[in-house]
């Protein structure tokens, strides 16, 4: 089935007062440093991950932190069901999570460098009654 992709300006009037869910693309529009490749590069450059964790990203051929976190969590759950004592996967999960948080902190732009973009964000977001952000950064706040 084919779906029509509309331009926002053609459909926005239907969504005034509604709800918006912001994903990482919103942050990337403000700063490309928030894309997964940049975040992973920062984490590796700063030595936030062990060789084993870097190997996970390489083995799955991804820079997607959430994908890797999900895989590690699934491995832990499978091991738990099989009664395999597994401390390393939980440690890896926590290390990846902390590394992602630190990488976001490391690349987060200073207010002065993005303040010119904030009015546009405000005027766009104020059209919605509810704004949900799934982002790791502080831009919408």
Protein backbone atom coordinates (compact mmCIF):
# COMPACT_ATOMS: atom_id res chain seq x y z
CA UNK A 1 0.00 0.00 0.00
CA UNK A 2 1.27 3.45 -0.89
CA UNK A 3 1.22 6.28 1.62
CA UNK A 4 1.30 9.95 0.78
CA UNK A 5 4.00 11.89 2.59
CA UNK A 6 2.81 15.41 3.17
CA UNK A 7 4.73 18.59 3.81
CA UNK A 8 4.26 19.83 7.37
CA UNK A 9 3.01 23.25 6.25
CA UNK A 10 0.20 21.52 4.34
CA UNK A 11 -1.12 19.57 7.35
CA UNK A 12 -0.06 21.50 10.47
CA UNK A 13 -3.43 23.18 10.98
CA UNK A 14 -4.90 19.73 11.79
CA UNK A 15 -2.53 19.29 14.73
CA UNK A 16 -2.79 22.58 16.64
CA UNK A 17 -3.41 21.81 20.29
CA UNK A 18 -2.45 18.17 19.87
CA UNK A 19 0.46 16.12 21.11
CA UNK A 20 3.93 15.85 19.63
CA UNK A 21 6.55 13.19 20.28
CA UNK A 22 10.11 14.38 19.68
CA UNK A 23 12.82 11.91 18.78
CA UNK A 24 16.53 12.31 18.29
CA UNK A 25 16.01 13.87 14.87
CA UNK A 26 14.80 17.04 16.56
CA UNK A 27 18.07 17.36 18.44
CA UNK A 28 20.15 16.47 15.40
CA UNK A 29 18.45 19.33 13.54
CA UNK A 30 19.96 21.68 16.13
CA UNK A 31 23.34 19.95 16.42
CA UNK A 32 24.64 17.06 14.27
CA UNK A 33 26.79 16.09 17.26
CA UNK A 34 23.72 14.30 18.65
CA UNK A 35 23.68 11.63 15.95
CA UNK A 36 24.71 8.15 17.05
CA UNK A 37 27.91 8.12 14.99
CA UNK A 38 29.10 11.31 16.64
CA UNK A 39 28.14 10.11 20.12
CA UNK A 40 29.85 6.75 19.62
CA UNK A 41 32.94 8.44 18.20
CA UNK A 42 33.09 10.72 21.23
CA UNK A 43 32.65 7.81 23.65
CA UNK A 44 35.44 5.83 21.97
CA UNK A 45 37.75 8.83 21.68
CA UNK A 46 37.30 9.59 25.39
CA UNK A 47 37.92 5.94 26.32
CA UNK A 48 34.49 5.48 27.88
CA UNK A 49 34.14 1.89 26.63
CA UNK A 50 36.18 -1.24 27.02
CA UNK A 51 37.38 -3.14 23.97
CA UNK A 52 34.57 -5.64 24.57
CA UNK A 53 31.88 -2.98 24.29
CA UNK A 54 33.49 -1.44 21.23
CA UNK A 55 33.49 -4.95 19.75
CA UNK A 56 29.72 -5.17 20.31
CA UNK A 57 29.15 -2.07 18.18
CA UNK A 58 31.49 -3.39 15.49
CA UNK A 59 30.04 -6.93 15.54
CA UNK A 60 26.49 -5.69 15.09
CA UNK A 61 27.72 -3.09 12.57
CA UNK A 62 25.84 -0.26 14.25
CA UNK A 63 26.30 3.02 16.05
CA UNK A 64 22.82 2.76 17.60
CA UNK A 65 23.22 2.76 21.38
CA UNK A 66 19.63 1.71 21.99
CA UNK A 67 20.01 -1.31 19.71
CA UNK A 68 23.12 -2.44 21.58
CA UNK A 69 21.54 -1.78 24.98
CA UNK A 70 18.52 -3.86 23.94
CA UNK A 71 20.74 -6.74 22.76
CA UNK A 72 22.76 -6.75 26.00
CA UNK A 73 19.58 -6.64 28.08
CA UNK A 74 18.13 -9.52 26.05
CA UNK A 75 21.30 -11.56 26.59
CA UNK A 76 21.01 -10.95 30.33
CA UNK A 77 17.36 -12.02 30.35
CA UNK A 78 18.09 -15.20 28.37
CA UNK A 79 20.95 -16.09 30.72
CA UNK A 80 18.70 -15.46 33.73
CA UNK A 81 16.04 -17.80 32.33
CA UNK A 82 18.68 -20.45 31.67
CA UNK A 83 20.08 -19.89 35.17
CA UNK A 84 23.44 -18.80 33.83
CA UNK A 85 25.08 -16.49 36.35
CA UNK A 86 25.92 -13.43 34.31
CA UNK A 87 27.38 -10.32 35.90
CA UNK A 88 29.27 -9.16 32.80
CA UNK A 89 26.22 -8.35 30.67
CA UNK A 90 24.69 -6.20 33.41
CA UNK A 91 28.03 -4.44 33.87
CA UNK A 92 28.24 -3.91 30.10
CA UNK A 93 24.69 -2.52 30.05
CA UNK A 94 25.49 -0.04 32.80
CA UNK A 95 28.79 0.93 31.14
CA UNK A 96 27.08 1.58 27.79
CA UNK A 97 24.33 3.60 29.48
CA UNK A 98 26.84 5.71 31.42
CA UNK A 99 28.96 6.13 28.29
CA UNK A 100 25.98 7.40 26.32
CA UNK A 101 25.10 9.88 29.06
CA UNK A 102 28.68 11.10 29.23
CA UNK A 103 28.95 11.38 25.42
CA UNK A 104 25.75 13.46 25.29
CA UNK A 105 27.18 15.67 28.02
CA UNK A 106 30.47 15.97 26.11
CA UNK A 107 28.89 17.07 22.81
CA UNK A 108 26.01 19.12 24.22
CA UNK A 109 26.24 22.62 22.70
CA UNK A 110 26.58 25.63 24.94
CA UNK A 111 23.60 27.95 25.14
CA UNK A 112 25.44 30.74 23.29
CA UNK A 113 26.03 28.55 20.24
CA UNK A 114 22.35 27.58 19.80
CA UNK A 115 20.39 30.47 21.31
CA UNK A 116 19.50 31.72 17.82
CA UNK A 117 17.62 28.44 17.17
CA UNK A 118 15.63 28.44 20.40
CA UNK A 119 12.92 30.95 19.35
CA UNK A 120 12.02 28.79 16.33
CA UNK A 121 11.81 25.73 18.59
CA UNK A 122 9.60 27.64 21.02
CA UNK A 123 7.22 28.95 18.34
CA UNK A 124 6.89 25.49 16.84
CA UNK A 125 6.37 23.61 20.12
CA UNK A 126 3.93 26.09 21.64
CA UNK A 127 1.34 24.97 19.07
CA UNK A 128 0.99 21.68 20.94
CA UNK A 129 -0.76 21.07 24.26
CA UNK A 130 1.57 18.21 25.13
CA UNK A 131 5.20 17.72 24.19
CA UNK A 132 6.97 14.42 24.84
CA UNK A 133 10.70 14.27 24.30
CA UNK A 134 12.59 10.99 24.00
CA UNK A 135 15.88 12.83 23.66
CA UNK A 136 18.87 12.60 25.95
CA UNK A 137 19.73 16.28 25.67
CA UNK A 138 18.33 19.39 27.31
CA UNK A 139 17.37 21.37 24.21
CA UNK A 140 13.60 21.27 24.63
CA UNK A 141 13.93 22.25 28.28
